[in-house]
Every structure is written in C-alpha cells, then in structure tokens.
C-alpha cells in the first residue's frame, strides 16, 4: 500500500475513534443516570452569601434590555445581590444599557454599568475587570441572550454551601427559538445532546467537564486560585474550568435547571460561533494537555480529557479524508476497509441525539427528523473549522468574534433586516468548491465500480453544498431586505421593536 492509502486509513481510524467514544459517553450516561446529587438543604435569607451577577455585553442592542430586566427579576436578598453590566460595546448598546441600568437603580437595585472603551482580553478581559470591582463571594455569569428563571440563584447557591470544594455549577441551556427554522431545530438537537447526555455523563463519572460560558455560577475563590480569567484562548470558559479541576476544585452540572437562550438562525452566525469554539478548544488543547497528562488523574480520565479538548479535530480529519480519497479512487485503490470502521462509529452521535431528544423535548423522537439536517451542517462546516484550526496553529486570527443576537422567540422576530446579520461569501464559495470535488469523487467511484463508497460522498456533496449555498443565500437575504426597504416594500428593524418573550418559570412552553 502507498503512503496515501496508509494516510487515509489513519485518518479514517482517527475519525472512528471520536465516533466510538460517543458509545463510551452513552455507556457512562446510562451507568450514572440515577446518580444525581441530593438536593441541598434549605437556607434562610440571612444564611445566604453575597452574589455578583455579571452580564458581559458587546454590541447587543437588540437583547441587552431584556437581559438586564431578566437579571433584575432574580429572586435573591437585595442586600446580598449586585449586578454588573460589563459593556465593551461601540454602538448604541451602551446608551440602551445605561438607560436601563439607571432605571433599575432608581428602583433600588444594586446594578452598575462598567464600560470599557477597548476590548482588551475580549470576554475574559471584561469578566476579569468586573471581578476586581465585584463584592460577591459567588459570581453568576449570563450572556446577553439568556433569560434565567427568577429562582436560579436560590436553586444553585445552596449546593456551594454544602460542599466547600465545589468551584463551579453549570446549568442546562434551553432554547428561546428552537422552532424558528429547521436550522435552529438542528442546532437545538446538537445542544441537547451535549447538555443532556455528554455533560451529565462527564460530570457524574468524575471526568473533566467544561464550563459553557453562560448560565453558571463560580465560587470566587475558585476563580482566583485557578489563576483567574485568562485571554490567551478564545474559550476562556473551557480554559478556566479545566484549570480549576486541575487545581482540585469540583464541578457540578444541574440539567434540571434550564436557562433559555437564542440559537443562531443565520448559517453565517452559526459558522462564526463554530469557528470561535474550534479555535478556542484547540488553543486549550495546546495549553492544557501537558498539565492534564502530568496530573494524578486516572489514565482513562486523561484519555477522555484529551478527546474532549481535541473534538474539533474531527473537521480537518473529515476534510483531509475527502481530499485524499479522489486520488486513491483514480489509482483504483479499494477503501472499503477503513469505511467499515467509519460506518460502525457513525452510529454513535445519532444515538446520543436520540437519547437527548427522548429526555429533553416534549416532541421526543420527532426531534430526530432534524438529524439529517444536523448531519449535513456538521459535515458542511468542516472547511470553516479546518481554516479556524489552521489559523490557530499558525497563531493567526485570535479575535473574539461575537455571535449576533436578534431577539427571536419561537417563530417570532426577524434577523434579515438586522444590521448585525453577517455577510460571508468567500468561505461559502470554498464550501461549494469542496462539494464539486466530492461530486467528482462520485463520478470516479461510479466509473471505477466502487458503488459502495458513493453514499459517503453524497453526504459530503449534500453537506458542503447545503452549507455553502445556504451561507450565500443567508448573506444575500439582508441585502435584498435592505433593497426592498429602500423601495418602500419592507420594514426596518430597530432595538425599539418589542414582542413578548417567555416567562422563565414556564420552561415547558419553550419546547424543552
């Protein structure tokens, strides 16, 4: 066998490793599903500690007022609660936030706006700056699109009081706009798989788990002893949570506490989010892997931690496998052996999503109708994430690119007329070219008689074609909307437009 053949086999086996690991996660999930932590005892108001709630904001004009109002509604002793709006914005967000903060201050709420003129350190820098001025023993963090239930702090803080080594609590992300479009339905399925299966399995099995950056609470002493917020990665949340666990602190995941948030409805926004997560996770891998391997943790814990941190390597592995396979087909090389392993391993992720759908949505298995679209999106972003990882390895592109929020709820709201909508044509054109490359592989496979490989290549054609063409269309739609508005045939959107958002008490109404 030639070098390309061996390389293809290694790539296929590496991909299969990530797929098979989903079976391990499922096994851990079912083994520990009943090992939920006992509910903490009740504490009177005078026994509760001080809490600082941080709201990091950067250009969130459409959702910042809703976010501030939801934090102001938190049910916690007023003399032990402070709210910090950590604003790095350079648009009208600052004005809107300042006005709303002033309104709540007049109501007697202890809330402050901390505005930075630059974005030094990005979100990590904002959190660190707020921490210097915070008075709380515990720090709750919410991104601007999250709407926490009023009892969030009363349900989380008592766990810290009964366990002095508990450093951080992560709660489950819900979805304000799951039903908005097939794109949001597919993403909701993926997020549910992560929160309802993977996070439960990792935390209850004692593995390393990651803080997800929002809808969580930190013990201040844990943040400080773990080295504080650091901005040398784009996933400061994952970085700090691993450093905290390496320092001996414990994490707790509470899936029964649900904090709804907005899912990106625009493919370009979704790709931006994935690009940042891919860069950040690989940065954390490079930064933390040596410390993980040197730690006293069991070998299995180290193995799972490395797989967890390197999960986004799946995308360059997929792309390289596709690029190699066409020359192999032209040489007449049979590649069914590695494809056998990939076929078996590929059942891992859908089983995770099926379990999540059965446990997390009132629609149950019907949510799996959106799995084919999720699979296409997962394949189609491989080029996007490969470029992100390549930039990381080349020490390029370290800017924190925010995911735009459009104030969507269920099927209400509009992103097309929003100035935060993202236009990105170059990556989309690259994805379409990769789709044609996969199409060429199908033609060659057909001519060579390798019919059994064609279904795999069809997935690549569909994935890259859907994401590429869809991204172009999602770039064009805001342009067409603006053109129609100028001609008087459409409506503009502004932060002043309001519509109801859900009562956080009633999570059943969110399609969770």
Protein backbone atom coordinates (compact mmCIF):
# COMPACT_ATOMS: atom_id res chain seq x y z
CA UNK A 1 0.00 0.00 0.00
CA UNK A 2 1.16 3.52 -0.80
CA UNK A 3 1.60 6.48 1.53
CA UNK A 4 -1.77 7.96 0.60
CA UNK A 5 -3.52 4.68 1.39
CA UNK A 6 -1.92 4.45 4.83
CA UNK A 7 -2.69 8.10 5.48
CA UNK A 8 -6.32 7.54 4.55
CA UNK A 9 -6.56 4.53 6.86
CA UNK A 10 -5.07 6.55 9.74
CA UNK A 11 -7.49 9.41 9.13
CA UNK A 12 -10.44 7.01 8.99
CA UNK A 13 -9.37 5.28 12.20
CA UNK A 14 -8.93 8.64 13.95
CA UNK A 15 -12.42 9.66 12.91
CA UNK A 16 -13.74 6.29 14.07
CA UNK A 17 -12.11 6.88 17.48
CA UNK A 18 -14.18 10.03 18.01
CA UNK A 19 -17.31 8.21 16.85
CA UNK A 20 -16.74 5.18 19.07
CA UNK A 21 -16.14 7.48 22.02
CA UNK A 22 -19.78 8.53 21.79
CA UNK A 23 -20.69 4.95 22.70
CA UNK A 24 -18.47 5.29 25.79
CA UNK A 25 -20.20 8.56 26.71
CA UNK A 26 -23.58 6.86 26.32
CA UNK A 27 -22.48 3.94 28.50
CA UNK A 28 -21.31 6.35 31.21
CA UNK A 29 -24.57 8.26 30.91
CA UNK A 30 -26.74 5.20 31.49
CA UNK A 31 -24.46 3.96 34.26
CA UNK A 32 -24.70 7.23 36.19
CA UNK A 33 -28.13 8.47 35.15
CA UNK A 34 -29.55 7.88 38.62
CA UNK A 35 -26.56 9.38 40.44
CA UNK A 36 -27.95 12.89 40.65
CA UNK A 37 -26.69 14.92 43.60
CA UNK A 38 -29.08 15.08 46.54
CA UNK A 39 -30.96 18.35 46.84
CA UNK A 40 -29.26 20.79 49.22
CA UNK A 41 -30.88 21.84 52.49
CA UNK A 42 -32.94 25.00 52.70
CA UNK A 43 -31.11 28.13 53.84
CA UNK A 44 -32.73 31.22 55.28
CA UNK A 45 -32.03 34.57 53.64
CA UNK A 46 -29.64 35.62 56.39
CA UNK A 47 -27.58 32.47 55.77
CA UNK A 48 -27.13 33.10 52.05
CA UNK A 49 -23.82 34.53 50.76
CA UNK A 50 -23.29 37.60 48.59
CA UNK A 51 -23.57 37.09 44.84
CA UNK A 52 -22.40 39.19 41.92
CA UNK A 53 -24.18 38.58 38.61
CA UNK A 54 -22.12 39.51 35.56
CA UNK A 55 -23.58 40.29 32.14
CA UNK A 56 -20.76 40.62 29.55
CA UNK A 57 -22.01 42.60 26.56
CA UNK A 58 -20.56 43.59 23.22
CA UNK A 59 -22.88 45.21 20.64
CA UNK A 60 -26.11 43.55 21.80
CA UNK A 61 -28.59 46.36 21.17
CA UNK A 62 -31.47 44.01 20.39
CA UNK A 63 -31.29 41.92 23.56
CA UNK A 64 -29.44 43.92 26.24
CA UNK A 65 -32.57 45.45 27.76
CA UNK A 66 -34.28 42.07 28.01
CA UNK A 67 -31.14 40.61 29.59
CA UNK A 68 -30.90 43.37 32.21
CA UNK A 69 -34.60 43.03 33.06
CA UNK A 70 -34.32 39.25 33.48
CA UNK A 71 -31.38 39.66 35.88
CA UNK A 72 -33.25 42.34 37.80
CA UNK A 73 -36.07 39.81 38.30
CA UNK A 74 -33.81 37.34 40.10
CA UNK A 75 -35.28 36.34 43.45
CA UNK A 76 -32.45 36.83 45.94
CA UNK A 77 -31.99 39.03 49.02
CA UNK A 78 -31.42 42.53 47.66
CA UNK A 79 -28.74 43.35 50.21
CA UNK A 80 -26.70 40.35 49.04
CA UNK A 81 -27.07 40.78 45.29
CA UNK A 82 -25.27 43.04 42.85
CA UNK A 83 -25.45 43.08 39.05
CA UNK A 84 -22.65 44.18 36.76
CA UNK A 85 -23.30 45.02 33.11
CA UNK A 86 -19.83 44.59 31.59
CA UNK A 87 -20.12 46.59 28.40
CA UNK A 88 -17.43 46.67 25.71
CA UNK A 89 -19.81 47.96 23.03
CA UNK A 90 -19.04 50.58 20.41
CA UNK A 91 -22.59 51.05 19.16
CA UNK A 92 -25.98 52.09 20.58
CA UNK A 93 -25.90 49.18 23.04
CA UNK A 94 -24.12 51.32 25.62
CA UNK A 95 -26.80 54.00 25.51
CA UNK A 96 -29.62 51.46 25.82
CA UNK A 97 -27.89 49.62 28.66
CA UNK A 98 -27.04 52.82 30.55
CA UNK A 99 -30.64 53.99 30.38
CA UNK A 100 -31.96 50.66 31.63
CA UNK A 101 -29.37 50.43 34.42
CA UNK A 102 -30.30 53.92 35.59
CA UNK A 103 -33.98 52.94 35.60
CA UNK A 104 -33.31 49.93 37.83
CA UNK A 105 -31.00 51.93 40.09
CA UNK A 106 -33.92 54.27 40.72
CA UNK A 107 -35.91 51.21 41.82
CA UNK A 108 -33.27 50.49 44.47
CA UNK A 109 -31.45 47.68 42.66
CA UNK A 110 -27.69 47.43 43.14
CA UNK A 111 -26.69 47.43 39.49
CA UNK A 112 -23.77 49.11 37.71
CA UNK A 113 -22.61 49.59 34.15
CA UNK A 114 -18.88 49.04 33.67
CA UNK A 115 -17.92 50.29 30.22
CA UNK A 116 -14.53 49.71 28.60
CA UNK A 117 -13.51 51.73 25.57
CA UNK A 118 -11.44 48.85 24.18
CA UNK A 119 -11.91 45.08 24.08
CA UNK A 120 -8.62 44.16 25.67
CA UNK A 121 -8.84 40.47 26.51
CA UNK A 122 -12.32 40.26 24.95
CA UNK A 123 -14.86 38.49 27.19
CA UNK A 124 -12.18 37.21 29.56
CA UNK A 125 -10.89 40.76 29.97
CA UNK A 126 -14.37 42.07 30.72
CA UNK A 127 -15.02 39.36 33.31
CA UNK A 128 -11.66 39.96 34.95
CA UNK A 129 -12.27 43.72 35.09
CA UNK A 130 -15.67 43.17 36.66
CA UNK A 131 -14.25 40.73 39.19
CA UNK A 132 -11.91 43.44 40.50
CA UNK A 133 -14.93 45.55 41.43
CA UNK A 134 -17.25 42.71 42.49
CA UNK A 135 -18.31 42.29 46.10
CA UNK A 136 -19.83 38.83 45.79
CA UNK A 137 -18.43 35.60 47.17
CA UNK A 138 -20.02 33.87 44.18
CA UNK A 139 -20.11 35.01 40.56
CA UNK A 140 -23.03 34.13 38.27
CA UNK A 141 -22.48 34.70 34.54
CA UNK A 142 -25.05 35.09 31.76
CA UNK A 143 -24.54 36.03 28.14
CA UNK A 144 -26.81 38.71 26.72
CA UNK A 145 -29.30 36.35 25.05
CA UNK A 146 -30.01 34.28 28.17
CA UNK A 147 -33.20 34.64 30.25
CA UNK A 148 -32.63 32.98 33.64
CA UNK A 149 -35.61 31.94 35.78
CA UNK A 150 -36.11 34.13 38.87
CA UNK A 151 -35.26 31.27 41.25
CA UNK A 152 -31.92 30.50 39.55
CA UNK A 153 -29.71 31.67 42.42
CA UNK A 154 -31.87 30.13 45.13
CA UNK A 155 -31.61 26.77 43.36
CA UNK A 156 -27.86 26.87 42.71
CA UNK A 157 -26.15 28.70 45.60
CA UNK A 158 -27.17 26.16 48.32
CA UNK A 159 -25.09 23.46 46.56
CA UNK A 160 -21.97 25.54 47.22
CA UNK A 161 -22.86 25.93 50.89
CA UNK A 162 -23.00 22.19 51.47
CA UNK A 163 -19.77 21.43 49.54
CA UNK A 164 -16.78 23.69 50.21
CA UNK A 165 -14.78 22.14 47.34
CA UNK A 166 -17.44 22.88 44.73
CA UNK A 167 -15.95 25.50 42.42
CA UNK A 168 -18.47 25.91 39.61
CA UNK A 169 -22.03 24.96 38.71
CA UNK A 170 -23.17 24.73 35.10
CA UNK A 171 -26.88 24.56 34.26
CA UNK A 172 -28.57 23.47 31.06
CA UNK A 173 -29.12 25.76 28.10
CA UNK A 174 -32.68 25.92 26.84
CA UNK A 175 -33.84 27.40 23.57
CA UNK A 176 -35.95 30.51 23.07
CA UNK A 177 -36.27 29.93 19.33
CA UNK A 178 -35.98 26.19 18.77
CA UNK A 179 -38.99 26.31 16.46
CA UNK A 180 -37.82 29.31 14.45
CA UNK A 181 -36.45 27.34 11.47
CA UNK A 182 -35.00 23.94 10.52
CA UNK A 183 -31.54 25.42 11.13
CA UNK A 184 -32.38 26.27 14.74
CA UNK A 185 -34.14 22.92 15.25
CA UNK A 186 -31.00 21.08 14.13
CA UNK A 187 -28.76 23.13 16.42
CA UNK A 188 -31.13 22.58 19.36
CA UNK A 189 -30.79 18.84 18.83
CA UNK A 190 -26.99 19.11 18.97
CA UNK A 191 -27.04 21.32 22.07
CA UNK A 192 -29.42 18.94 23.84
CA UNK A 193 -27.06 16.07 23.06
CA UNK A 194 -24.22 17.96 24.69
CA UNK A 195 -26.11 19.09 27.78
CA UNK A 196 -28.48 16.20 28.42
CA UNK A 197 -26.06 13.37 27.69
CA UNK A 198 -22.41 14.41 27.48
CA UNK A 199 -22.32 16.89 30.36
CA UNK A 200 -24.31 14.55 32.60
CA UNK A 201 -22.02 11.62 31.75
CA UNK A 202 -18.79 13.57 32.22
CA UNK A 203 -19.71 15.22 35.49
CA UNK A 204 -21.27 12.22 37.21
CA UNK A 205 -18.48 9.87 36.06
CA UNK A 206 -15.89 12.21 37.55
CA UNK A 207 -14.35 13.16 34.20
CA UNK A 208 -13.14 16.62 33.26
CA UNK A 209 -16.08 18.74 32.14
CA UNK A 210 -16.21 22.20 30.68
CA UNK A 211 -17.97 25.35 31.82
CA UNK A 212 -20.05 26.58 28.89
CA UNK A 213 -19.50 30.30 29.46
CA UNK A 214 -23.04 31.20 30.48
CA UNK A 215 -25.85 30.11 32.80
CA UNK A 216 -23.42 29.11 35.53
CA UNK A 217 -22.07 30.17 38.92
CA UNK A 218 -18.47 30.28 40.14
CA UNK A 219 -17.06 30.38 43.63
CA UNK A 220 -14.89 33.48 43.59
CA UNK A 221 -12.08 31.77 45.48
CA UNK A 222 -12.03 29.03 42.87
CA UNK A 223 -11.56 31.56 40.05
CA UNK A 224 -8.71 33.23 41.92
CA UNK A 225 -6.94 30.02 42.95
CA UNK A 226 -7.19 28.61 39.42
CA UNK A 227 -5.37 31.65 38.02
CA UNK A 228 -8.30 33.90 37.11
CA UNK A 229 -9.76 34.68 33.73
CA UNK A 230 -7.07 34.47 31.03
CA UNK A 231 -7.40 35.76 27.48
CA UNK A 232 -4.81 33.59 25.71
CA UNK A 233 -7.61 31.39 24.33
CA UNK A 234 -10.97 32.25 22.75
CA UNK A 235 -12.76 29.81 25.06
CA UNK A 236 -11.92 31.34 28.41
CA UNK A 237 -14.72 29.27 29.95
CA UNK A 238 -13.27 25.90 28.95
CA UNK A 239 -9.79 27.06 29.91
CA UNK A 240 -10.72 28.18 33.44
CA UNK A 241 -12.88 25.14 34.14
CA UNK A 242 -10.02 22.77 33.29
CA UNK A 243 -7.53 24.79 35.34
CA UNK A 244 -9.95 24.75 38.26
CA UNK A 245 -10.32 20.97 38.10
CA UNK A 246 -6.55 20.51 37.81
CA UNK A 247 -6.27 22.62 40.98
CA UNK A 248 -8.59 20.22 42.82
CA UNK A 249 -11.91 22.02 42.54
CA UNK A 250 -15.11 20.15 41.72
CA UNK A 251 -17.71 20.91 39.04
CA UNK A 252 -21.42 20.23 39.17
CA UNK A 253 -23.88 20.07 36.29
CA UNK A 254 -27.58 20.55 37.02
CA UNK A 255 -29.67 19.55 33.98
CA UNK A 256 -32.93 20.20 35.79
CA UNK A 257 -32.24 23.95 35.89
CA UNK A 258 -32.88 25.30 32.41
CA UNK A 259 -31.89 28.77 31.19
CA UNK A 260 -33.31 29.53 27.74
CA UNK A 261 -31.18 31.36 25.17
CA UNK A 262 -31.22 32.25 21.49
CA UNK A 263 -29.91 29.86 18.83
CA UNK A 264 -28.20 31.47 15.80
CA UNK A 265 -30.78 31.46 12.96
CA UNK A 266 -28.29 32.53 10.29
CA UNK A 267 -25.85 29.97 8.89
CA UNK A 268 -23.09 32.58 8.81
CA UNK A 269 -23.65 33.32 12.50
CA UNK A 270 -23.60 29.61 13.29
CA UNK A 271 -20.33 29.22 11.39
CA UNK A 272 -18.81 32.20 13.23
CA UNK A 273 -19.75 30.61 16.54
CA UNK A 274 -18.31 27.26 15.49
CA UNK A 275 -15.14 28.94 14.24
CA UNK A 276 -14.58 30.59 17.62
CA UNK A 277 -15.28 27.36 19.51
CA UNK A 278 -12.95 25.40 17.22
CA UNK A 279 -10.12 27.88 17.68
CA UNK A 280 -10.63 28.14 21.41
CA UNK A 281 -10.82 24.40 22.06
CA UNK A 282 -7.61 23.71 20.12
CA UNK A 283 -5.92 26.59 21.94
CA UNK A 284 -6.99 24.95 25.19
CA UNK A 285 -5.69 21.60 23.96
CA UNK A 286 -2.26 23.07 23.25
CA UNK A 287 -2.26 24.98 26.54
CA UNK A 288 -3.69 22.37 28.91
CA UNK A 289 -2.79 18.94 27.51
CA UNK A 290 0.63 18.83 29.22
CA UNK A 291 -0.90 19.65 32.61
CA UNK A 292 -3.67 17.09 32.10
CA UNK A 293 -1.18 14.37 31.22
CA UNK A 294 1.03 15.24 34.21
CA UNK A 295 -1.90 15.24 36.63
CA UNK A 296 -2.64 12.44 39.09
CA UNK A 297 -5.94 11.66 37.38
CA UNK A 298 -6.57 8.08 36.17
CA UNK A 299 -5.41 7.27 32.65
CA UNK A 300 -9.00 6.97 31.43
CA UNK A 301 -9.78 10.48 32.69
CA UNK A 302 -6.75 11.83 30.83
CA UNK A 303 -7.75 9.99 27.66
CA UNK A 304 -11.26 11.42 27.79
CA UNK A 305 -9.96 14.92 28.55
CA UNK A 306 -7.67 14.89 25.50
CA UNK A 307 -10.52 13.66 23.29
CA UNK A 308 -12.79 16.33 24.76
CA UNK A 309 -10.32 19.15 24.09
CA UNK A 310 -9.47 17.86 20.60
CA UNK A 311 -13.03 17.16 19.47
CA UNK A 312 -12.94 19.83 16.75
CA UNK A 313 -10.10 17.97 15.02
CA UNK A 314 -12.89 15.84 13.55
CA UNK A 315 -13.42 18.52 10.89
CA UNK A 316 -9.90 18.66 9.42
CA UNK A 317 -9.83 14.84 9.57
CA UNK A 318 -13.04 14.75 7.53
CA UNK A 319 -11.80 17.28 5.00
CA UNK A 320 -8.40 15.61 4.56
CA UNK A 321 -10.09 12.23 4.12
CA UNK A 322 -12.20 13.63 1.31
CA UNK A 323 -9.24 15.31 -0.39
CA UNK A 324 -7.20 12.10 -0.29
CA UNK A 325 -9.90 9.74 -1.46
CA UNK A 326 -10.18 11.06 -5.02
CA UNK A 327 -6.53 10.32 -5.91
CA UNK A 328 -6.96 6.88 -4.35
CA UNK A 329 -10.01 6.19 -6.46
CA UNK A 330 -8.19 7.31 -9.59
CA UNK A 331 -5.46 4.79 -8.72
CA UNK A 332 -8.08 2.09 -8.29
CA UNK A 333 -7.37 1.60 -4.58
CA UNK A 334 -10.16 -0.14 -2.66
CA UNK A 335 -11.00 1.78 0.50
CA UNK A 336 -13.84 -0.31 1.94
CA UNK A 337 -11.74 -1.50 4.93
CA UNK A 338 -11.49 1.89 6.72
CA UNK A 339 -15.01 2.78 5.67
CA UNK A 340 -16.25 -0.24 7.65
CA UNK A 341 -14.97 1.30 10.89
CA UNK A 342 -16.41 4.68 9.97
CA UNK A 343 -19.80 3.10 9.26
CA UNK A 344 -19.99 1.50 12.69
CA UNK A 345 -18.63 4.57 14.52
CA UNK A 346 -21.07 6.88 12.73
CA UNK A 347 -23.95 5.42 14.76
CA UNK A 348 -22.54 6.96 17.97
CA UNK A 349 -23.61 10.60 17.53
CA UNK A 350 -27.19 9.89 16.37
CA UNK A 351 -27.72 7.63 19.37
CA UNK A 352 -26.59 10.45 21.66
CA UNK A 353 -29.02 12.84 19.97
CA UNK A 354 -31.83 10.30 20.14
CA UNK A 355 -31.38 9.86 23.89
CA UNK A 356 -31.29 13.62 24.30
CA UNK A 357 -34.44 14.02 22.21
CA UNK A 358 -36.26 11.43 24.31
CA UNK A 359 -35.27 13.15 27.55
CA UNK A 360 -35.24 16.82 26.65
CA UNK A 361 -38.15 17.61 24.36
CA UNK A 362 -41.88 17.13 24.61
CA UNK A 363 -41.77 16.08 20.95
CA UNK A 364 -39.47 13.15 21.75
CA UNK A 365 -38.27 11.08 18.77
CA UNK A 366 -39.85 13.54 16.32
CA UNK A 367 -36.93 15.85 17.00
CA UNK A 368 -34.77 13.28 15.19
CA UNK A 369 -36.44 14.35 11.96
CA UNK A 370 -33.92 17.19 12.03
CA UNK A 371 -30.92 14.91 12.49
CA UNK A 372 -30.27 14.58 8.72
CA UNK A 373 -30.00 18.38 8.51
CA UNK A 374 -27.73 18.42 11.57
CA UNK A 375 -25.53 15.80 9.90
CA UNK A 376 -25.28 17.91 6.74
CA UNK A 377 -24.45 21.01 8.77
CA UNK A 378 -21.84 19.10 10.76
CA UNK A 379 -20.14 17.96 7.55
CA UNK A 380 -20.59 21.26 5.75
CA UNK A 381 -18.75 23.32 8.39
CA UNK A 382 -15.63 21.15 8.08
CA UNK A 383 -13.87 23.66 5.82
CA UNK A 384 -14.87 26.58 8.06
CA UNK A 385 -13.50 24.87 11.16
CA UNK A 386 -10.42 23.49 9.42
CA UNK A 387 -9.44 27.02 8.44
CA UNK A 388 -10.07 28.11 12.04
CA UNK A 389 -7.80 25.38 13.41
CA UNK A 390 -5.13 26.14 10.81
CA UNK A 391 -5.19 29.80 11.85
CA UNK A 392 -4.83 28.70 15.46
CA UNK A 393 -1.78 26.58 14.69
CA UNK A 394 -0.29 29.44 12.68
CA UNK A 395 -1.02 31.87 15.54
CA UNK A 396 -3.38 33.92 13.39
CA UNK A 397 -6.89 35.25 13.90
CA UNK A 398 -7.17 35.49 17.67
CA UNK A 399 -10.09 37.93 17.76
CA UNK A 400 -13.23 37.05 19.67
CA UNK A 401 -15.96 37.27 17.03
CA UNK A 402 -19.31 37.58 18.77
CA UNK A 403 -22.34 35.59 17.71
CA UNK A 404 -25.03 38.15 16.79
CA UNK A 405 -28.33 38.03 18.65
CA UNK A 406 -31.60 39.10 17.02
CA UNK A 407 -34.20 38.83 19.82
CA UNK A 408 -36.04 35.84 18.45
CA UNK A 409 -38.65 33.76 20.25
CA UNK A 410 -40.29 30.64 18.87
CA UNK A 411 -41.04 31.70 15.26
CA UNK A 412 -41.26 35.40 16.04
CA UNK A 413 -38.67 38.01 15.15
CA UNK A 414 -36.53 38.73 12.15
CA UNK A 415 -32.79 38.60 11.51
CA UNK A 416 -32.77 39.57 7.83
CA UNK A 417 -33.32 43.28 8.45
CA UNK A 418 -30.91 43.37 11.36
CA UNK A 419 -27.59 45.22 10.91
CA UNK A 420 -25.87 42.52 12.97
CA UNK A 421 -26.52 39.92 10.25
CA UNK A 422 -23.25 38.53 8.88
CA UNK A 423 -22.18 38.51 5.24
CA UNK A 424 -19.52 35.97 4.29
CA UNK A 425 -19.14 34.86 0.67
CA UNK A 426 -15.55 33.63 0.42
CA UNK A 427 -15.93 30.67 2.76
CA UNK A 428 -19.25 29.79 1.14
CA UNK A 429 -17.62 29.68 -2.29
CA UNK A 430 -14.92 27.42 -0.89
CA UNK A 431 -17.56 25.09 0.52
CA UNK A 432 -19.29 24.91 -2.85
CA UNK A 433 -15.96 24.03 -4.49
CA UNK A 434 -15.48 21.21 -1.98
CA UNK A 435 -18.99 19.96 -2.82
CA UNK A 436 -17.99 19.79 -6.50
CA UNK A 437 -14.81 17.94 -5.51
CA UNK A 438 -16.95 15.35 -3.70
CA UNK A 439 -19.18 15.17 -6.77
CA UNK A 440 -16.12 14.39 -8.87
CA UNK A 441 -15.29 11.57 -6.43
CA UNK A 442 -18.78 10.14 -7.02
CA UNK A 443 -18.24 10.17 -10.79
CA UNK A 444 -14.89 8.42 -10.45
CA UNK A 445 -16.29 5.88 -7.98
CA UNK A 446 -19.11 5.10 -10.40
CA UNK A 447 -16.75 4.69 -13.35
CA UNK A 448 -14.38 2.50 -11.32
CA UNK A 449 -17.22 0.35 -10.00
CA UNK A 450 -16.77 1.38 -6.34
CA UNK A 451 -20.51 1.82 -5.85
CA UNK A 452 -20.43 1.12 -2.08
CA UNK A 453 -18.46 4.34 -1.46
CA UNK A 454 -20.94 6.61 -3.22
CA UNK A 455 -23.28 7.14 -0.19
CA UNK A 456 -20.35 8.60 1.78
CA UNK A 457 -19.51 11.04 -0.98
CA UNK A 458 -23.18 12.01 -1.29
CA UNK A 459 -23.07 13.13 2.34
CA UNK A 460 -20.11 15.39 1.51
CA UNK A 461 -21.85 16.78 -1.55
CA UNK A 462 -25.00 17.44 0.45
CA UNK A 463 -23.20 18.85 3.48
CA UNK A 464 -20.84 21.24 1.74
CA UNK A 465 -23.45 22.10 -0.88
CA UNK A 466 -26.10 22.91 1.72
CA UNK A 467 -23.83 24.98 3.96
CA UNK A 468 -22.15 26.75 1.03
CA UNK A 469 -25.29 27.64 -0.91
CA UNK A 470 -27.21 28.32 2.32
CA UNK A 471 -24.50 30.68 3.53
CA UNK A 472 -24.58 32.58 0.25
CA UNK A 473 -28.35 32.84 0.47
CA UNK A 474 -28.17 33.99 4.10
CA UNK A 475 -25.65 36.63 3.01
CA UNK A 476 -27.93 37.78 0.22
CA UNK A 477 -31.18 37.94 2.18
CA UNK A 478 -30.22 41.02 4.27
CA UNK A 479 -29.15 42.79 1.06
CA UNK A 480 -32.50 42.04 -0.59
CA UNK A 481 -34.30 43.11 2.58
CA UNK A 482 -32.48 46.43 2.64
CA UNK A 483 -33.18 46.98 -1.05
CA UNK A 484 -36.90 46.34 -0.53
CA UNK A 485 -36.91 48.67 2.46
CA UNK A 486 -35.40 51.48 0.39
CA UNK A 487 -38.09 50.90 -2.20
CA UNK A 488 -40.75 51.10 0.48
CA UNK A 489 -41.69 47.41 0.28
CA UNK A 490 -40.31 46.24 3.61
CA UNK A 491 -39.97 47.07 7.26
CA UNK A 492 -36.87 48.09 9.10
CA UNK A 493 -35.93 46.64 12.45
CA UNK A 494 -34.68 48.56 15.44
CA UNK A 495 -33.96 47.79 19.08
CA UNK A 496 -37.16 49.63 19.98
CA UNK A 497 -39.31 46.89 18.42
CA UNK A 498 -40.66 44.68 21.18
CA UNK A 499 -42.59 41.46 21.40
CA UNK A 500 -43.28 39.16 24.33
CA UNK A 501 -40.62 36.76 25.50
CA UNK A 502 -41.40 33.70 27.58
CA UNK A 503 -41.97 33.54 31.29
CA UNK A 504 -38.82 31.76 32.55
CA UNK A 505 -40.96 29.96 35.13
CA UNK A 506 -42.70 28.07 32.33
CA UNK A 507 -39.91 26.16 30.57
CA UNK A 508 -42.46 23.70 29.15
CA UNK A 509 -43.57 26.46 26.80
CA UNK A 510 -40.09 26.61 25.28
CA UNK A 511 -40.22 23.23 23.59
CA UNK A 512 -37.67 21.79 26.03
